[in-house]
Amino acid sequence: MAEKDRLSAVGQEQALDIERIKRRLDMLDHRLDDIDSMVTAVAERVMKQPISFIITCPHCGKSMEIAVMGSEKPRR
């Protein structure tokens, strides 16, 4: 009888662990969807108008400009 109770407790603990893993995977999936939406919005915006980045080298202090230009909306 004690063996059955122990196995039952182990099974319940495993079920709780599986539920936690499922919740974490769902949260990760939602975060990845949000990131995908943001990256898509930025890509669409860049493709509609020019954008430039000015980056300064931390070692020599020299500045460089990177320009990204596009004229079409990216296709999926």
N, C-alpha and C. Protein backbone atom coordinates (compact mmCIF):
# COMPACT_ATOMS: atom_id res chain seq x y z
N MET A 1 0.82 -1.19 0.00
CA MET A 1 0.00 0.00 0.00
C MET A 1 0.87 1.26 0.00
N ALA A 2 1.94 1.24 0.80
CA ALA A 2 2.83 2.39 0.86
C ALA A 2 3.52 2.60 -0.48
N GLU A 3 3.79 1.48 -1.16
CA GLU A 3 4.44 1.56 -2.48
C GLU A 3 3.52 2.25 -3.49
N LYS A 4 2.23 1.94 -3.44
CA LYS A 4 1.26 2.56 -4.35
C LYS A 4 1.15 4.06 -4.07
N ASP A 5 1.16 4.43 -2.79
CA ASP A 5 1.10 5.85 -2.42
C ASP A 5 2.33 6.60 -2.91
N ARG A 6 3.48 5.95 -2.79
CA ARG A 6 4.72 6.57 -3.23
C ARG A 6 4.71 6.74 -4.74
N LEU A 7 4.28 5.72 -5.47
CA LEU A 7 4.20 5.82 -6.92
C LEU A 7 3.20 6.88 -7.35
N SER A 8 2.11 6.98 -6.61
CA SER A 8 1.10 7.99 -6.91
C SER A 8 1.66 9.39 -6.70
N ALA A 9 2.40 9.58 -5.63
CA ALA A 9 3.01 10.88 -5.34
C ALA A 9 4.04 11.24 -6.40
N VAL A 10 4.82 10.27 -6.84
CA VAL A 10 5.82 10.50 -7.89
C VAL A 10 5.12 10.86 -9.19
N GLY A 11 4.04 10.18 -9.50
CA GLY A 11 3.28 10.48 -10.72
C GLY A 11 2.68 11.86 -10.68
N GLN A 12 2.18 12.27 -9.53
CA GLN A 12 1.61 13.62 -9.41
C GLN A 12 2.70 14.68 -9.54
N GLU A 13 3.87 14.40 -8.97
CA GLU A 13 4.98 15.35 -9.07
C GLU A 13 5.43 15.48 -10.52
N GLN A 14 5.49 14.38 -11.23
CA GLN A 14 5.87 14.42 -12.64
C GLN A 14 4.83 15.18 -13.46
N ALA A 15 3.56 14.99 -13.14
CA ALA A 15 2.50 15.71 -13.85
C ALA A 15 2.61 17.21 -13.62
N LEU A 16 2.94 17.62 -12.39
CA LEU A 16 3.13 19.04 -12.10
C LEU A 16 4.34 19.59 -12.85
N ASP A 17 5.42 18.80 -12.90
CA ASP A 17 6.60 19.23 -13.65
C ASP A 17 6.29 19.40 -15.13
N ILE A 18 5.52 18.49 -15.67
CA ILE A 18 5.13 18.57 -17.09
C ILE A 18 4.28 19.81 -17.33
N GLU A 19 3.37 20.11 -16.42
CA GLU A 19 2.53 21.31 -16.57
C GLU A 19 3.38 22.58 -16.52
N ARG A 20 4.36 22.62 -15.61
CA ARG A 20 5.27 23.78 -15.53
C ARG A 20 6.04 23.95 -16.83
N ILE A 21 6.53 22.84 -17.37
CA ILE A 21 7.27 22.90 -18.63
C ILE A 21 6.37 23.39 -19.75
N LYS A 22 5.13 22.92 -19.79
CA LYS A 22 4.19 23.38 -20.81
C LYS A 22 3.94 24.87 -20.70
N ARG A 23 3.75 25.37 -19.48
CA ARG A 23 3.53 26.81 -19.28
C ARG A 23 4.73 27.62 -19.73
N ARG A 24 5.92 27.14 -19.39
CA ARG A 24 7.14 27.86 -19.80
C ARG A 24 7.31 27.86 -21.31
N LEU A 25 7.01 26.74 -21.95
CA LEU A 25 7.08 26.68 -23.40
C LEU A 25 6.07 27.62 -24.05
N ASP A 26 4.87 27.69 -23.48
CA ASP A 26 3.86 28.63 -24.00
C ASP A 26 4.33 30.07 -23.85
N MET A 27 4.93 30.40 -22.70
CA MET A 27 5.45 31.76 -22.50
C MET A 27 6.55 32.06 -23.50
N LEU A 28 7.44 31.11 -23.72
CA LEU A 28 8.52 31.29 -24.69
C LEU A 28 7.95 31.47 -26.10
N ASP A 29 6.93 30.70 -26.43
CA ASP A 29 6.29 30.82 -27.74
C ASP A 29 5.69 32.21 -27.93
N HIS A 30 5.03 32.72 -26.91
CA HIS A 30 4.45 34.07 -26.99
C HIS A 30 5.54 35.12 -27.13
N ARG A 31 6.62 34.97 -26.39
CA ARG A 31 7.73 35.93 -26.50
C ARG A 31 8.34 35.92 -27.89
N LEU A 32 8.54 34.72 -28.44
CA LEU A 32 9.09 34.63 -29.78
C LEU A 32 8.15 35.24 -30.82
N ASP A 33 6.84 35.05 -30.63
CA ASP A 33 5.87 35.69 -31.53
C ASP A 33 5.96 37.20 -31.44
N ASP A 34 6.11 37.73 -30.23
CA ASP A 34 6.25 39.18 -30.04
C ASP A 34 7.52 39.70 -30.71
N ILE A 35 8.61 38.97 -30.54
CA ILE A 35 9.87 39.37 -31.17
C ILE A 35 9.73 39.35 -32.68
N ASP A 36 9.09 38.32 -33.21
CA ASP A 36 8.87 38.22 -34.65
C ASP A 36 8.06 39.40 -35.16
N SER A 37 7.03 39.78 -34.42
CA SER A 37 6.21 40.91 -34.82
C SER A 37 7.01 42.21 -34.84
N MET A 38 7.85 42.39 -33.83
CA MET A 38 8.67 43.61 -33.77
C MET A 38 9.68 43.65 -34.92
N VAL A 39 10.34 42.54 -35.17
CA VAL A 39 11.33 42.49 -36.25
C VAL A 39 10.65 42.73 -37.59
N THR A 40 9.48 42.16 -37.80
CA THR A 40 8.75 42.37 -39.04
C THR A 40 8.37 43.84 -39.20
N ALA A 41 7.90 44.46 -38.12
CA ALA A 41 7.53 45.88 -38.19
C ALA A 41 8.74 46.75 -38.52
N VAL A 42 9.88 46.46 -37.92
CA VAL A 42 11.08 47.23 -38.20
C VAL A 42 11.52 47.00 -39.65
N ALA A 43 11.48 45.77 -40.12
CA ALA A 43 11.87 45.48 -41.50
C ALA A 43 10.96 46.20 -42.49
N GLU A 44 9.67 46.21 -42.22
CA GLU A 44 8.74 46.91 -43.10
C GLU A 44 9.02 48.41 -43.10
N ARG A 45 9.31 48.95 -41.95
CA ARG A 45 9.60 50.39 -41.86
C ARG A 45 10.88 50.73 -42.61
N VAL A 46 11.90 49.89 -42.45
CA VAL A 46 13.17 50.13 -43.14
C VAL A 46 12.97 50.05 -44.65
N MET A 47 12.14 49.13 -45.08
CA MET A 47 11.94 48.97 -46.52
C MET A 47 11.15 50.13 -47.11
N LYS A 48 10.44 50.88 -46.29
CA LYS A 48 9.66 52.01 -46.80
C LYS A 48 10.47 53.29 -46.86
N GLN A 49 11.47 53.43 -46.03
CA GLN A 49 12.24 54.68 -45.98
C GLN A 49 13.68 54.37 -45.59
N PRO A 50 14.59 55.24 -45.99
CA PRO A 50 15.99 54.99 -45.63
C PRO A 50 16.22 55.19 -44.13
N ILE A 51 17.17 54.45 -43.61
CA ILE A 51 17.53 54.58 -42.20
C ILE A 51 19.05 54.50 -42.12
N SER A 52 19.64 55.26 -41.22
CA SER A 52 21.10 55.22 -41.08
C SER A 52 21.48 55.11 -39.61
N PHE A 53 22.56 54.40 -39.39
CA PHE A 53 23.11 54.23 -38.05
C PHE A 53 24.49 54.87 -38.03
N ILE A 54 24.78 55.61 -37.00
CA ILE A 54 26.11 56.16 -36.81
C ILE A 54 26.72 55.45 -35.60
N ILE A 55 27.80 54.74 -35.87
CA ILE A 55 28.45 53.92 -34.85
C ILE A 55 29.84 54.47 -34.59
N THR A 56 30.20 54.61 -33.32
CA THR A 56 31.53 55.08 -32.94
C THR A 56 32.32 53.91 -32.38
N CYS A 57 33.52 53.73 -32.91
CA CYS A 57 34.39 52.66 -32.44
C CYS A 57 34.84 52.95 -31.01
N PRO A 58 34.68 52.01 -30.09
CA PRO A 58 35.08 52.25 -28.70
C PRO A 58 36.60 52.29 -28.51
N HIS A 59 37.36 51.75 -29.49
CA HIS A 59 38.81 51.70 -29.36
C HIS A 59 39.50 52.95 -29.92
N CYS A 60 39.12 53.31 -31.16
CA CYS A 60 39.81 54.44 -31.80
C CYS A 60 38.98 55.72 -31.82
N GLY A 61 37.70 55.64 -31.53
CA GLY A 61 36.84 56.81 -31.51
C GLY A 61 36.35 57.26 -32.88
N LYS A 62 36.71 56.52 -33.92
CA LYS A 62 36.30 56.87 -35.27
C LYS A 62 34.81 56.55 -35.47
N SER A 63 34.10 57.48 -36.10
CA SER A 63 32.67 57.27 -36.37
C SER A 63 32.47 56.75 -37.79
N MET A 64 31.50 55.85 -37.94
CA MET A 64 31.15 55.38 -39.27
C MET A 64 29.64 55.36 -39.39
N GLU A 65 29.17 55.62 -40.58
CA GLU A 65 27.73 55.67 -40.84
C GLU A 65 27.36 54.49 -41.71
N ILE A 66 26.30 53.79 -41.31
CA ILE A 66 25.79 52.67 -42.09
C ILE A 66 24.38 53.05 -42.52
N ALA A 67 24.16 53.07 -43.82
CA ALA A 67 22.84 53.43 -44.35
C ALA A 67 22.17 52.19 -44.93
N VAL A 68 20.90 52.03 -44.62
CA VAL A 68 20.11 50.92 -45.15
C VAL A 68 18.95 51.54 -45.92
N MET A 69 18.82 51.15 -47.17
CA MET A 69 17.76 51.71 -48.00
C MET A 69 17.01 50.57 -48.67
N GLY A 70 15.73 50.75 -48.82
CA GLY A 70 14.92 49.77 -49.52
C GLY A 70 13.73 50.45 -50.15
N SER A 71 13.16 49.78 -51.14
CA SER A 71 12.03 50.39 -51.83
C SER A 71 10.82 49.48 -51.90
N GLU A 72 10.94 48.24 -51.41
CA GLU A 72 9.83 47.30 -51.46
C GLU A 72 9.57 46.70 -50.11
N LYS A 73 8.34 46.31 -49.90
CA LYS A 73 7.95 45.63 -48.67
C LYS A 73 8.41 44.16 -48.77
N PRO A 74 9.03 43.63 -47.73
CA PRO A 74 9.47 42.24 -47.81
C PRO A 74 8.28 41.28 -47.94
N ARG A 75 8.47 40.24 -48.70
CA ARG A 75 7.41 39.25 -48.91
C ARG A 75 7.65 38.06 -48.03
N ARG A 76 6.59 37.40 -47.64
CA ARG A 76 6.72 36.20 -46.81
C ARG A 76 6.68 34.97 -47.64
